[in-house]
Amino acid sequence: MLIMTKDREILNLDNVLEIRASEENVECELMNGYIYTIQSFKTHKKAEDALDKILNQYDRGQRVIKL
């Protein structure tokens, strides 16, 4: 599955070690150690909802998810 970051970069989730909702961001850590902010939100609840959206679509094939 592919995901578009806030900087319009496309990340392949096959290369992701961890994806998490921090204070007001959804972030992912890649296997090479880089941490990308996928999207910033005004509240932690909205970040958690976006993370749920990503996780619910994970097994639906190769496509780009935009938040």
C-alpha atoms as a PDB file:
ATOM      1  CA  MET A   1       0.000   0.000   0.000  1.00  0.00           C
ATOM      2  CA  LEU A   2       1.168   3.501  -0.755  1.00  0.00           C
ATOM      3  CA  ILE A   3       0.550   6.614   1.307  1.00  0.00           C
ATOM      4  CA  MET A   4       1.047  10.278   0.434  1.00  0.00           C
ATOM      5  CA  THR A   5       2.759  12.466   3.040  1.00  0.00           C
ATOM      6  CA  LYS A   6       1.911  16.102   3.726  1.00  0.00           C
ATOM      7  CA  ASP A   7       4.884  17.044   1.501  1.00  0.00           C
ATOM      8  CA  ARG A   8       3.300  15.045  -1.362  1.00  0.00           C
ATOM      9  CA  GLU A   9       5.904  12.268  -1.138  1.00  0.00           C
ATOM     10  CA  ILE A  10       4.711   8.717  -1.723  1.00  0.00           C
ATOM     11  CA  LEU A  11       5.810   6.080   0.791  1.00  0.00           C
ATOM     12  CA  ASN A  12       5.473   2.340   0.316  1.00  0.00           C
ATOM     13  CA  LEU A  13       4.257   0.838   3.595  1.00  0.00           C
ATOM     14  CA  ASP A  14       6.282  -2.312   2.844  1.00  0.00           C
ATOM     15  CA  ASN A  15       9.317  -0.242   3.955  1.00  0.00           C
ATOM     16  CA  VAL A  16       7.742   0.998   7.199  1.00  0.00           C
ATOM     17  CA  LEU A  17       8.778  -0.341  10.600  1.00  0.00           C
ATOM     18  CA  GLU A  18       6.228   1.589  12.637  1.00  0.00           C
ATOM     19  CA  ILE A  19       3.309   3.897  12.027  1.00  0.00           C
ATOM     20  CA  ARG A  20       1.877   5.877  14.931  1.00  0.00           C
ATOM     21  CA  ALA A  21      -0.281   8.795  16.000  1.00  0.00           C
ATOM     22  CA  SER A  22       1.832  11.141  18.106  1.00  0.00           C
ATOM     23  CA  GLU A  23       0.551  14.323  19.790  1.00  0.00           C
ATOM     24  CA  GLU A  24      -0.997  15.892  16.669  1.00  0.00           C
ATOM     25  CA  ASN A  25       0.730  14.004  13.842  1.00  0.00           C
ATOM     26  CA  VAL A  26       0.544  10.673  12.090  1.00  0.00           C
ATOM     27  CA  GLU A  27       4.157   9.563  11.627  1.00  0.00           C
ATOM     28  CA  CYS A  28       5.938   6.555  10.224  1.00  0.00           C
ATOM     29  CA  GLU A  29       9.458   5.280  10.762  1.00  0.00           C
ATOM     30  CA  LEU A  30      11.125   3.641   7.785  1.00  0.00           C
ATOM     31  CA  MET A  31      13.589   0.758   7.878  1.00  0.00           C
ATOM     32  CA  ASN A  32      16.448   3.175   7.161  1.00  0.00           C
ATOM     33  CA  GLY A  33      15.673   5.150  10.344  1.00  0.00           C
ATOM     34  CA  TYR A  34      13.983   8.173   8.795  1.00  0.00           C
ATOM     35  CA  ILE A  35      10.787   9.430  10.421  1.00  0.00           C
ATOM     36  CA  TYR A  36       8.219  11.019   8.131  1.00  0.00           C
ATOM     37  CA  THR A  37       5.241  13.066   9.221  1.00  0.00           C
ATOM     38  CA  ILE A  38       2.405  11.825   7.068  1.00  0.00           C
ATOM     39  CA  GLN A  39      -0.073  14.487   8.160  1.00  0.00           C
ATOM     40  CA  SER A  40      -0.520  17.056  10.935  1.00  0.00           C
ATOM     41  CA  PHE A  41      -3.825  17.598  12.720  1.00  0.00           C
ATOM     42  CA  LYS A  42      -5.230  20.033  15.264  1.00  0.00           C
ATOM     43  CA  THR A  43      -6.060  17.363  17.846  1.00  0.00           C
ATOM     44  CA  HIS A  44      -4.745  13.978  18.910  1.00  0.00           C
ATOM     45  CA  LYS A  45      -8.204  12.472  18.291  1.00  0.00           C
ATOM     46  CA  LYS A  46      -8.113  13.489  14.610  1.00  0.00           C
ATOM     47  CA  ALA A  47      -4.624  11.986  14.289  1.00  0.00           C
ATOM     48  CA  GLU A  48      -5.895   8.721  15.800  1.00  0.00           C
ATOM     49  CA  ASP A  49      -8.855   8.712  13.390  1.00  0.00           C
ATOM     50  CA  ALA A  50      -6.488   9.158  10.435  1.00  0.00           C
ATOM     51  CA  LEU A  51      -4.315   6.299  11.702  1.00  0.00           C
ATOM     52  CA  ASP A  52      -7.435   4.109  11.930  1.00  0.00           C
ATOM     53  CA  LYS A  53      -8.294   5.038   8.329  1.00  0.00           C
ATOM     54  CA  ILE A  54      -4.827   3.909   7.201  1.00  0.00           C
ATOM     55  CA  LEU A  55      -4.979   0.655   9.148  1.00  0.00           C
ATOM     56  CA  ASN A  56      -8.505  -0.163   7.935  1.00  0.00           C
ATOM     57  CA  GLN A  57      -7.400   0.157   4.309  1.00  0.00           C
ATOM     58  CA  TYR A  58      -4.097  -1.704   4.695  1.00  0.00           C
ATOM     59  CA  ASP A  59      -5.185  -5.021   3.147  1.00  0.00           C
ATOM     60  CA  ARG A  60      -7.041  -3.533   0.178  1.00  0.00           C
ATOM     61  CA  GLY A  61      -4.223  -3.694  -2.380  1.00  0.00           C
ATOM     62  CA  GLN A  62      -1.739  -1.275  -3.932  1.00  0.00           C
ATOM     63  CA  ARG A  63      -3.234   2.178  -4.003  1.00  0.00           C
ATOM     64  CA  VAL A  64      -2.417   5.642  -2.704  1.00  0.00           C
ATOM     65  CA  ILE A  65      -4.155   6.793   0.465  1.00  0.00           C
ATOM     66  CA  LYS A  66      -4.568  10.535   0.998  1.00  0.00           C
ATOM     67  CA  LEU A  67      -5.692  11.912   4.351  1.00  0.00           C
END
